[in-house]
Amino acid sequence: MIDNEVKLSQEGAYSFYILWICSHAYAMRKRNVLDDNEWVGWLQWMRHIFRRGTIKETWKQIEPDKWFNPDFQNFINTEIVEAKLT
Protein backbone atom coordinates (compact mmCIF):
# COMPACT_ATOMS: atom_id res chain seq x y z
CA MET A 1 0.00 0.00 0.00
CA ILE A 2 1.41 3.36 -0.99
CA ASP A 3 -1.07 5.42 1.02
CA ASN A 4 -4.43 4.90 2.69
CA GLU A 5 -6.43 5.70 -0.44
CA VAL A 6 -4.51 3.73 -3.05
CA LYS A 7 -4.15 0.05 -2.47
CA LEU A 8 -1.67 -1.64 -4.77
CA SER A 9 -0.68 -5.25 -4.75
CA GLN A 10 2.95 -6.10 -4.16
CA GLU A 11 3.36 -6.25 -7.94
CA GLY A 12 1.62 -2.88 -8.29
CA ALA A 13 3.91 -1.31 -5.71
CA TYR A 14 6.92 -2.73 -7.59
CA SER A 15 5.53 -1.28 -10.83
CA PHE A 16 5.12 2.11 -9.16
CA TYR A 17 8.76 1.99 -8.07
CA ILE A 18 9.84 1.18 -11.64
CA LEU A 19 7.76 4.12 -12.90
CA TRP A 20 9.48 6.35 -10.35
CA ILE A 21 12.86 5.23 -11.70
CA CYS A 22 11.68 5.99 -15.25
CA SER A 23 10.56 9.42 -14.08
CA HIS A 24 13.99 10.04 -12.62
CA ALA A 25 15.69 8.95 -15.87
CA TYR A 26 13.39 11.30 -17.80
CA ALA A 27 14.29 14.18 -15.47
CA MET A 28 18.00 13.43 -15.91
CA ARG A 29 17.54 13.52 -19.69
CA LYS A 30 15.80 16.88 -19.46
CA ARG A 31 18.76 18.22 -17.45
CA ASN A 32 21.20 16.83 -20.05
CA VAL A 33 22.73 14.38 -17.57
CA LEU A 34 22.07 11.43 -19.90
CA ASP A 35 23.68 11.48 -23.33
CA ASP A 36 21.89 10.29 -26.48
CA ASN A 37 23.11 6.69 -26.22
CA GLU A 38 22.08 6.39 -22.58
CA TRP A 39 18.69 7.90 -23.34
CA VAL A 40 18.07 5.52 -26.25
CA GLY A 41 18.66 2.62 -23.87
CA TRP A 42 16.22 4.00 -21.32
CA LEU A 43 13.65 4.78 -24.00
CA GLN A 44 13.86 1.27 -25.44
CA TRP A 45 13.55 -0.27 -21.98
CA MET A 46 10.53 1.91 -21.09
CA ARG A 47 8.75 0.96 -24.30
CA HIS A 48 9.53 -2.69 -23.65
CA ILE A 49 8.14 -2.72 -20.10
CA PHE A 50 4.93 -1.00 -21.19
CA ARG A 51 4.52 -3.39 -24.09
CA ARG A 52 5.33 -6.64 -22.32
CA GLY A 53 4.88 -6.04 -18.61
CA THR A 54 2.12 -5.12 -16.22
CA ILE A 55 3.36 -1.56 -15.71
CA LYS A 56 0.75 -0.21 -18.11
CA GLU A 57 -1.99 -1.50 -15.78
CA THR A 58 -0.43 0.29 -12.81
CA TRP A 59 -0.04 3.41 -14.97
CA LYS A 60 -3.76 3.34 -15.84
CA GLN A 61 -4.58 3.06 -12.14
CA ILE A 62 -2.37 5.89 -10.84
CA GLU A 63 -2.02 8.27 -13.80
CA PRO A 64 -5.38 10.03 -13.27
CA ASP A 65 -4.27 11.04 -9.76
CA LYS A 66 -1.31 12.98 -11.23
CA TRP A 67 1.35 11.43 -8.99
CA PHE A 68 4.14 12.29 -11.40
CA ASN A 69 5.47 15.45 -13.00
CA PRO A 70 2.96 16.57 -15.69
CA ASP A 71 5.74 16.69 -18.30
CA PHE A 72 6.70 13.08 -17.53
CA GLN A 73 3.06 12.00 -17.62
CA ASN A 74 2.62 13.64 -21.01
CA PHE A 75 5.80 11.94 -22.24
CA ILE A 76 4.59 8.51 -21.10
CA ASN A 77 1.13 9.00 -22.61
CA THR A 78 2.35 10.31 -25.97
CA GLU A 79 5.78 8.75 -26.54
CA ILE A 80 5.39 5.43 -24.76
CA VAL A 81 1.74 4.41 -24.49
CA GLU A 82 0.52 5.84 -27.79
CA ALA A 83 3.75 5.11 -29.67
CA LYS A 84 3.46 1.41 -29.02
CA LEU A 85 0.03 1.30 -30.65
CA THR A 86 1.29 2.54 -34.00
PDB file of N, CA and C in Angstrom:
ATOM      1  N   MET A   1       0.850  -1.171   0.000  1.00  0.00           N
ATOM      2  CA  MET A   1       0.000   0.000   0.000  1.00  0.00           C
ATOM      3  C   MET A   1       0.901   1.242   0.000  1.00  0.00           C
ATOM      4  N   ILE A   2       0.622   2.142  -0.898  1.00  0.00           N
ATOM      5  CA  ILE A   2       1.409   3.364  -0.988  1.00  0.00           C
ATOM      6  C   ILE A   2       0.851   4.427  -0.049  1.00  0.00           C
ATOM      7  N   ASP A   3      -0.438   4.552   0.027  1.00  0.00           N
ATOM      8  CA  ASP A   3      -1.066   5.420   1.018  1.00  0.00           C
ATOM      9  C   ASP A   3      -2.409   4.809   1.386  1.00  0.00           C
ATOM     10  N   ASN A   4      -3.167   5.469   2.219  1.00  0.00           N
ATOM     11  CA  ASN A   4      -4.432   4.901   2.693  1.00  0.00           C
ATOM     12  C   ASN A   4      -5.513   4.848   1.622  1.00  0.00           C
ATOM     13  N   GLU A   5      -5.399   5.660   0.592  1.00  0.00           N
ATOM     14  CA  GLU A   5      -6.431   5.697  -0.440  1.00  0.00           C
ATOM     15  C   GLU A   5      -6.142   4.783  -1.617  1.00  0.00           C
ATOM     16  N   VAL A   6      -4.879   4.557  -1.910  1.00  0.00           N
ATOM     17  CA  VAL A   6      -4.508   3.730  -3.052  1.00  0.00           C
ATOM     18  C   VAL A   6      -3.950   2.420  -2.532  1.00  0.00           C
ATOM     19  N   LYS A   7      -4.593   1.355  -2.925  1.00  0.00           N
ATOM     20  CA  LYS A   7      -4.149   0.049  -2.473  1.00  0.00           C
ATOM     21  C   LYS A   7      -3.611  -0.715  -3.686  1.00  0.00           C
ATOM     22  N   LEU A   8      -2.311  -0.897  -3.697  1.00  0.00           N
ATOM     23  CA  LEU A   8      -1.671  -1.637  -4.773  1.00  0.00           C
ATOM     24  C   LEU A   8      -1.185  -2.974  -4.243  1.00  0.00           C
ATOM     25  N   SER A   9      -1.245  -3.958  -5.098  1.00  0.00           N
ATOM     26  CA  SER A   9      -0.675  -5.250  -4.751  1.00  0.00           C
ATOM     27  C   SER A   9       0.836  -5.102  -4.641  1.00  0.00           C
ATOM     28  N   GLN A  10       1.487  -6.148  -4.221  1.00  0.00           N
ATOM     29  CA  GLN A  10       2.945  -6.101  -4.162  1.00  0.00           C
ATOM     30  C   GLN A  10       3.506  -5.843  -5.561  1.00  0.00           C
ATOM     31  N   GLU A  11       2.925  -6.471  -6.564  1.00  0.00           N
ATOM     32  CA  GLU A  11       3.360  -6.247  -7.943  1.00  0.00           C
ATOM     33  C   GLU A  11       3.084  -4.810  -8.379  1.00  0.00           C
ATOM     34  N   GLY A  12       1.946  -4.263  -7.972  1.00  0.00           N
ATOM     35  CA  GLY A  12       1.615  -2.878  -8.295  1.00  0.00           C
ATOM     36  C   GLY A  12       2.580  -1.901  -7.654  1.00  0.00           C
ATOM     37  N   ALA A  13       2.949  -2.176  -6.402  1.00  0.00           N
ATOM     38  CA  ALA A  13       3.914  -1.314  -5.715  1.00  0.00           C
ATOM     39  C   ALA A  13       5.270  -1.379  -6.416  1.00  0.00           C
ATOM     40  N   TYR A  14       5.665  -2.566  -6.842  1.00  0.00           N
ATOM     41  CA  TYR A  14       6.919  -2.732  -7.590  1.00  0.00           C
ATOM     42  C   TYR A  14       6.840  -1.941  -8.898  1.00  0.00           C
ATOM     43  N   SER A  15       5.712  -2.027  -9.577  1.00  0.00           N
ATOM     44  CA  SER A  15       5.528  -1.283 -10.828  1.00  0.00           C
ATOM     45  C   SER A  15       5.630   0.219 -10.589  1.00  0.00           C
ATOM     46  N   PHE A  16       5.043   0.695  -9.494  1.00  0.00           N
ATOM     47  CA  PHE A  16       5.122   2.110  -9.163  1.00  0.00           C
ATOM     48  C   PHE A  16       6.578   2.527  -8.970  1.00  0.00           C
ATOM     49  N   TYR A  17       7.345   1.700  -8.286  1.00  0.00           N
ATOM     50  CA  TYR A  17       8.762   1.986  -8.065  1.00  0.00           C
ATOM     51  C   TYR A  17       9.509   2.063  -9.397  1.00  0.00           C
ATOM     52  N   ILE A  18       9.211   1.161 -10.310  1.00  0.00           N
ATOM     53  CA  ILE A  18       9.837   1.179 -11.636  1.00  0.00           C
ATOM     54  C   ILE A  18       9.452   2.462 -12.374  1.00  0.00           C
ATOM     55  N   LEU A  19       8.196   2.862 -12.278  1.00  0.00           N
ATOM     56  CA  LEU A  19       7.765   4.118 -12.901  1.00  0.00           C
ATOM     57  C   LEU A  19       8.504   5.305 -12.307  1.00  0.00           C
ATOM     58  N   TRP A  20       8.745   5.272 -11.008  1.00  0.00           N
ATOM     59  CA  TRP A  20       9.481   6.352 -10.349  1.00  0.00           C
ATOM     60  C   TRP A  20      10.907   6.419 -10.894  1.00  0.00           C
ATOM     61  N   ILE A  21      11.520   5.273 -11.120  1.00  0.00           N
ATOM     62  CA  ILE A  21      12.865   5.228 -11.698  1.00  0.00           C
ATOM     63  C   ILE A  21      12.837   5.805 -13.122  1.00  0.00           C
ATOM     64  N   CYS A  22      11.822   5.441 -13.888  1.00  0.00           N
ATOM     65  CA  CYS A  22      11.684   5.991 -15.248  1.00  0.00           C
ATOM     66  C   CYS A  22      11.518   7.504 -15.200  1.00  0.00           C
ATOM     67  N   SER A  23      10.749   7.983 -14.248  1.00  0.00           N
ATOM     68  CA  SER A  23      10.557   9.421 -14.081  1.00  0.00           C
ATOM     69  C   SER A  23      11.889  10.108 -13.779  1.00  0.00           C
ATOM     70  N   HIS A  24      12.687   9.478 -12.957  1.00  0.00           N
ATOM     71  CA  HIS A  24      13.995  10.037 -12.620  1.00  0.00           C
ATOM     72  C   HIS A  24      14.902  10.064 -13.859  1.00  0.00           C
ATOM     73  N   ALA A  25      14.889   8.992 -14.637  1.00  0.00           N
ATOM     74  CA  ALA A  25      15.694   8.954 -15.872  1.00  0.00           C
ATOM     75  C   ALA A  25      15.232  10.051 -16.830  1.00  0.00           C
ATOM     76  N   TYR A  26      13.930  10.245 -16.936  1.00  0.00           N
ATOM     77  CA  TYR A  26      13.392  11.298 -17.802  1.00  0.00           C
ATOM     78  C   TYR A  26      13.870  12.677 -17.325  1.00  0.00           C
ATOM     79  N   ALA A  27      13.829  12.900 -16.018  1.00  0.00           N
ATOM     80  CA  ALA A  27      14.287  14.183 -15.466  1.00  0.00           C
ATOM     81  C   ALA A  27      15.781  14.379 -15.736  1.00  0.00           C
ATOM     82  N   MET A  28      16.564  13.317 -15.626  1.00  0.00           N
ATOM     83  CA  MET A  28      18.001  13.427 -15.914  1.00  0.00           C
ATOM     84  C   MET A  28      18.229  13.766 -17.385  1.00  0.00           C
ATOM     85  N   ARG A  29      17.425  13.198 -18.264  1.00  0.00           N
ATOM     86  CA  ARG A  29      17.539  13.516 -19.690  1.00  0.00           C
ATOM     87  C   ARG A  29      17.224  14.993 -19.933  1.00  0.00           C
ATOM     88  N   LYS A  30      16.180  15.485 -19.288  1.00  0.00           N
ATOM     89  CA  LYS A  30      15.804  16.881 -19.457  1.00  0.00           C
ATOM     90  C   LYS A  30      16.905  17.826 -18.969  1.00  0.00           C
ATOM     91  N   ARG A  31      17.670  17.407 -17.977  1.00  0.00           N
ATOM     92  CA  ARG A  31      18.761  18.222 -17.446  1.00  0.00           C
ATOM     93  C   ARG A  31      20.080  17.941 -18.165  1.00  0.00           C
ATOM     94  N   ASN A  32      20.034  17.179 -19.245  1.00  0.00           N
ATOM     95  CA  ASN A  32      21.204  16.825 -20.047  1.00  0.00           C
ATOM     96  C   ASN A  32      22.256  16.038 -19.270  1.00  0.00           C
ATOM     97  N   VAL A  33      21.822  15.256 -18.304  1.00  0.00           N
ATOM     98  CA  VAL A  33      22.730  14.380 -17.566  1.00  0.00           C
ATOM     99  C   VAL A  33      22.975  13.096 -18.370  1.00  0.00           C
ATOM    100  N   LEU A  34      21.944  12.629 -19.065  1.00  0.00           N
ATOM    101  CA  LEU A  34      22.068  11.434 -19.904  1.00  0.00           C
ATOM    102  C   LEU A  34      22.399  11.846 -21.336  1.00  0.00           C
ATOM    103  N   ASP A  35      23.373  11.187 -21.933  1.00  0.00           N
ATOM    104  CA  ASP A  35      23.677  11.482 -23.335  1.00  0.00           C
ATOM    105  C   ASP A  35      22.699  10.714 -24.234  1.00  0.00           C
ATOM    106  N   ASP A  36      22.822  10.910 -25.537  1.00  0.00           N
ATOM    107  CA  ASP A  36      21.889  10.292 -26.483  1.00  0.00           C
ATOM    108  C   ASP A  36      21.883   8.771 -26.388  1.00  0.00           C
ATOM    109  N   ASN A  37      23.046   8.148 -26.296  1.00  0.00           N
ATOM    110  CA  ASN A  37      23.115   6.687 -26.225  1.00  0.00           C
ATOM    111  C   ASN A  37      22.459   6.159 -24.953  1.00  0.00           C
ATOM    112  N   GLU A  38      22.710   6.812 -23.833  1.00  0.00           N
ATOM    113  CA  GLU A  38      22.081   6.392 -22.581  1.00  0.00           C
ATOM    114  C   GLU A  38      20.563   6.544 -22.662  1.00  0.00           C
ATOM    115  N   TRP A  39      20.122   7.655 -23.234  1.00  0.00           N
ATOM    116  CA  TRP A  39      18.685   7.895 -23.342  1.00  0.00           C
ATOM    117  C   TRP A  39      18.019   6.881 -24.249  1.00  0.00           C
ATOM    118  N   VAL A  40      18.648   6.521 -25.345  1.00  0.00           N
ATOM    119  CA  VAL A  40      18.074   5.517 -26.252  1.00  0.00           C
ATOM    120  C   VAL A  40      17.858   4.201 -25.510  1.00  0.00           C
ATOM    121  N   GLY A  41      18.810   3.840 -24.663  1.00  0.00           N
ATOM    122  CA  GLY A  41      18.665   2.624 -23.868  1.00  0.00           C
ATOM    123  C   GLY A  41      17.480   2.701 -22.915  1.00  0.00           C
ATOM    124  N   TRP A  42      17.346   3.814 -22.217  1.00  0.00           N
ATOM    125  CA  TRP A  42      16.218   4.005 -21.319  1.00  0.00           C
ATOM    126  C   TRP A  42      14.898   3.995 -22.078  1.00  0.00           C
ATOM    127  N   LEU A  43      14.870   4.697 -23.200  1.00  0.00           N
ATOM    128  CA  LEU A  43      13.652   4.780 -24.000  1.00  0.00           C
ATOM    129  C   LEU A  43      13.224   3.394 -24.488  1.00  0.00           C
ATOM    130  N   GLN A  44      14.168   2.630 -24.975  1.00  0.00           N
ATOM    131  CA  GLN A  44      13.865   1.271 -25.442  1.00  0.00           C
ATOM    132  C   GLN A  44      13.333   0.417 -24.294  1.00  0.00           C
ATOM    133  N   TRP A  45      13.966   0.520 -23.137  1.00  0.00           N
ATOM    134  CA  TRP A  45      13.545  -0.270 -21.980  1.00  0.00           C
ATOM    135  C   TRP A  45      12.144   0.137 -21.534  1.00  0.00           C
ATOM    136  N   MET A  46      11.859   1.451 -21.495  1.00  0.00           N
ATOM    137  CA  MET A  46      10.529   1.911 -21.087  1.00  0.00           C
ATOM    138  C   MET A  46       9.459   1.394 -22.049  1.00  0.00           C
ATOM    139  N   ARG A  47       9.733   1.466 -23.324  1.00  0.00           N
ATOM    140  CA  ARG A  47       8.754   0.957 -24.302  1.00  0.00           C
ATOM    141  C   ARG A  47       8.540  -0.533 -24.121  1.00  0.00           C
ATOM    142  N   HIS A  48       9.612  -1.236 -23.846  1.00  0.00           N
ATOM    143  CA  HIS A  48       9.531  -2.687 -23.649  1.00  0.00           C
ATOM    144  C   HIS A  48       8.667  -3.030 -22.433  1.00  0.00           C
ATOM    145  N   ILE A  49       8.893  -2.357 -21.303  1.00  0.00           N
ATOM    146  CA  ILE A  49       8.136  -2.725 -20.101  1.00  0.00           C
ATOM    147  C   ILE A  49       6.654  -2.354 -20.222  1.00  0.00           C
ATOM    148  N   PHE A  50       6.344  -1.331 -20.979  1.00  0.00           N
ATOM    149  CA  PHE A  50       4.932  -1.004 -21.189  1.00  0.00           C
ATOM    150  C   PHE A  50       4.282  -1.978 -22.165  1.00  0.00           C
ATOM    151  N   ARG A  51       5.051  -2.472 -23.090  1.00  0.00           N
ATOM    152  CA  ARG A  51       4.520  -3.393 -24.091  1.00  0.00           C
ATOM    153  C   ARG A  51       4.356  -4.797 -23.524  1.00  0.00           C
ATOM    154  N   ARG A  52       5.313  -5.251 -22.726  1.00  0.00           N
ATOM    155  CA  ARG A  52       5.326  -6.642 -22.319  1.00  0.00           C
ATOM    156  C   ARG A  52       5.026  -6.885 -20.843  1.00  0.00           C
ATOM    157  N   GLY A  53       5.077  -5.856 -20.040  1.00  0.00           N
ATOM    158  CA  GLY A  53       4.884  -6.038 -18.607  1.00  0.00           C
ATOM    159  C   GLY A  53       3.521  -5.579 -18.129  1.00  0.00           C
ATOM    160  N   THR A  54       3.382  -5.540 -16.827  1.00  0.00           N
ATOM    161  CA  THR A  54       2.117  -5.117 -16.223  1.00  0.00           C
ATOM    162  C   THR A  54       2.150  -3.651 -15.791  1.00  0.00           C
ATOM    163  N   ILE A  55       3.232  -2.974 -16.114  1.00  0.00           N
ATOM    164  CA  ILE A  55       3.363  -1.557 -15.713  1.00  0.00           C
ATOM    165  C   ILE A  55       2.232  -0.718 -16.299  1.00  0.00           C
ATOM    166  N   LYS A  56       1.817  -1.011 -17.502  1.00  0.00           N
ATOM    167  CA  LYS A  56       0.753  -0.210 -18.114  1.00  0.00           C
ATOM    168  C   LYS A  56      -0.534  -0.278 -17.290  1.00  0.00           C
ATOM    169  N   GLU A  57      -0.794  -1.400 -16.621  1.00  0.00           N
ATOM    170  CA  GLU A  57      -1.988  -1.500 -15.780  1.00  0.00           C
ATOM    171  C   GLU A  57      -1.851  -0.610 -14.543  1.00  0.00           C
ATOM    172  N   THR A  58      -0.670  -0.600 -13.948  1.00  0.00           N
ATOM    173  CA  THR A  58      -0.434   0.288 -12.811  1.00  0.00           C
ATOM    174  C   THR A  58      -0.541   1.742 -13.255  1.00  0.00           C
ATOM    175  N   TRP A  59       0.017   2.051 -14.436  1.00  0.00           N
ATOM    176  CA  TRP A  59      -0.042   3.412 -14.968  1.00  0.00           C
ATOM    177  C   TRP A  59      -1.491   3.861 -15.120  1.00  0.00           C
ATOM    178  N   LYS A  60      -2.344   3.001 -15.661  1.00  0.00           N
ATOM    179  CA  LYS A  60      -3.757   3.344 -15.837  1.00  0.00           C
ATOM    180  C   LYS A  60      -4.421   3.617 -14.497  1.00  0.00           C
ATOM    181  N   GLN A  61      -3.973   2.915 -13.467  1.00  0.00           N
ATOM    182  CA  GLN A  61      -4.578   3.058 -12.145  1.00  0.00           C
ATOM    183  C   GLN A  61      -4.142   4.356 -11.463  1.00  0.00           C
ATOM    184  N   ILE A  62      -2.872   4.736 -11.590  1.00  0.00           N
ATOM    185  CA  ILE A  62      -2.371   5.888 -10.839  1.00  0.00           C
ATOM    186  C   ILE A  62      -2.269   7.173 -11.642  1.00  0.00           C
ATOM    187  N   GLU A  63      -2.217   7.080 -12.960  1.00  0.00           N
ATOM    188  CA  GLU A  63      -2.018   8.270 -13.799  1.00  0.00           C
ATOM    189  C   GLU A  63      -3.091   9.339 -13.599  1.00  0.00           C
ATOM    190  N   PRO A  64      -4.367   8.975 -13.469  1.00  0.00           N
ATOM    191  CA  PRO A  64      -5.382  10.029 -13.275  1.00  0.00           C
ATOM    192  C   PRO A  64      -5.191  10.857 -12.002  1.00  0.00           C
ATOM    193  N   ASP A  65      -4.489  10.309 -11.018  1.00  0.00           N
ATOM    194  CA  ASP A  65      -4.268  11.038  -9.764  1.00  0.00           C
ATOM    195  C   ASP A  65      -3.092  12.002  -9.841  1.00  0.00           C
ATOM    196  N   LYS A  66      -2.408  12.024 -10.990  1.00  0.00           N
ATOM    197  CA  LYS A  66      -1.313  12.978 -11.227  1.00  0.00           C
ATOM    198  C   LYS A  66      -0.193  12.866 -10.182  1.00  0.00           C
ATOM    199  N   TRP A  67       0.291  11.662  -9.959  1.00  0.00           N
ATOM    200  CA  TRP A  67       1.353  11.432  -8.986  1.00  0.00           C
ATOM    201  C   TRP A  67       2.720  11.832  -9.502  1.00  0.00           C
ATOM    202  N   PHE A  68       2.852  11.972 -10.807  1.00  0.00           N
ATOM    203  CA  PHE A  68       4.143  12.286 -11.401  1.00  0.00           C
ATOM    204  C   PHE A  68       4.124  13.674 -12.019  1.00  0.00           C
ATOM    205  N   ASN A  69       5.302  14.171 -12.326  1.00  0.00           N
ATOM    206  CA  ASN A  69       5.471  15.450 -13.002  1.00  0.00           C
ATOM    207  C   ASN A  69       4.601  15.458 -14.261  1.00  0.00           C
ATOM    208  N   PRO A  70       3.829  16.523 -14.499  1.00  0.00           N
ATOM    209  CA  PRO A  70       2.963  16.569 -15.685  1.00  0.00           C
ATOM    210  C   PRO A  70       3.725  16.371 -16.999  1.00  0.00           C
ATOM    211  N   ASP A  71       4.942  16.878 -17.088  1.00  0.00           N
ATOM    212  CA  ASP A  71       5.738  16.692 -18.299  1.00  0.00           C
ATOM    213  C   ASP A  71       6.072  15.215 -18.508  1.00  0.00           C
ATOM    214  N   PHE A  72       6.421  14.513 -17.436  1.00  0.00           N
ATOM    215  CA  PHE A  72       6.700  13.081 -17.530  1.00  0.00           C
ATOM    216  C   PHE A  72       5.427  12.318 -17.901  1.00  0.00           C
ATOM    217  N   GLN A  73       4.310  12.673 -17.293  1.00  0.00           N
ATOM    218  CA  GLN A  73       3.058  11.995 -17.617  1.00  0.00           C
ATOM    219  C   GLN A  73       2.703  12.175 -19.091  1.00  0.00           C
ATOM    220  N   ASN A  74       2.887  13.388 -19.597  1.00  0.00           N
ATOM    221  CA  ASN A  74       2.624  13.636 -21.015  1.00  0.00           C
ATOM    222  C   ASN A  74       3.562  12.804 -21.889  1.00  0.00           C
ATOM    223  N   PHE A  75       4.834  12.739 -21.507  1.00  0.00           N
ATOM    224  CA  PHE A  75       5.802  11.939 -22.242  1.00  0.00           C
ATOM    225  C   PHE A  75       5.371  10.466 -22.290  1.00  0.00           C
ATOM    226  N   ILE A  76       5.003   9.911 -21.148  1.00  0.00           N
ATOM    227  CA  ILE A  76       4.585   8.506 -21.105  1.00  0.00           C
ATOM    228  C   ILE A  76       3.354   8.296 -21.981  1.00  0.00           C
ATOM    229  N   ASN A  77       2.372   9.173 -21.849  1.00  0.00           N
ATOM    230  CA  ASN A  77       1.134   9.005 -22.607  1.00  0.00           C
ATOM    231  C   ASN A  77       1.325   9.163 -24.107  1.00  0.00           C
ATOM    232  N   THR A  78       2.190  10.067 -24.534  1.00  0.00           N
ATOM    233  CA  THR A  78       2.349  10.308 -25.972  1.00  0.00           C
ATOM    234  C   THR A  78       3.476   9.501 -26.604  1.00  0.00           C
ATOM    235  N   GLU A  79       4.609   9.401 -25.930  1.00  0.00           N
ATOM    236  CA  GLU A  79       5.783   8.751 -26.536  1.00  0.00           C
ATOM    237  C   GLU A  79       5.908   7.263 -26.214  1.00  0.00           C
ATOM    238  N   ILE A  80       5.277   6.829 -25.149  1.00  0.00           N
ATOM    239  CA  ILE A  80       5.388   5.426 -24.759  1.00  0.00           C
ATOM    240  C   ILE A  80       4.093   4.683 -25.006  1.00  0.00           C
ATOM    241  N   VAL A  81       3.019   5.113 -24.371  1.00  0.00           N
ATOM    242  CA  VAL A  81       1.739   4.407 -24.488  1.00  0.00           C
ATOM    243  C   VAL A  81       1.198   4.489 -25.908  1.00  0.00           C
ATOM    244  N   GLU A  82       1.066   5.691 -26.455  1.00  0.00           N
ATOM    245  CA  GLU A  82       0.519   5.840 -27.795  1.00  0.00           C
ATOM    246  C   GLU A  82       1.471   5.350 -28.863  1.00  0.00           C
ATOM    247  N   ALA A  83       2.766   5.517 -28.666  1.00  0.00           N
ATOM    248  CA  ALA A  83       3.751   5.115 -29.668  1.00  0.00           C
ATOM    249  C   ALA A  83       3.727   3.616 -29.890  1.00  0.00           C
ATOM    250  N   LYS A  84       3.438   2.856 -28.864  1.00  0.00           N
ATOM    251  CA  LYS A  84       3.464   1.407 -29.018  1.00  0.00           C
ATOM    252  C   LYS A  84       2.265   0.895 -29.793  1.00  0.00           C
ATOM    253  N   LEU A  85       1.229   1.721 -29.923  1.00  0.00           N
ATOM    254  CA  LEU A  85       0.027   1.301 -30.646  1.00  0.00           C
ATOM    255  C   LEU A  85       0.177   1.479 -32.146  1.00  0.00           C
ATOM    256  N   THR A  86       1.149   2.273 -32.559  1.00  0.00           N
ATOM    257  CA  THR A  86       1.293   2.535 -33.995  1.00  0.00           C
ATOM    258  C   THR A  86       2.286   1.595 -34.624  1.00  0.00           C
TER     259      THR A  86
END
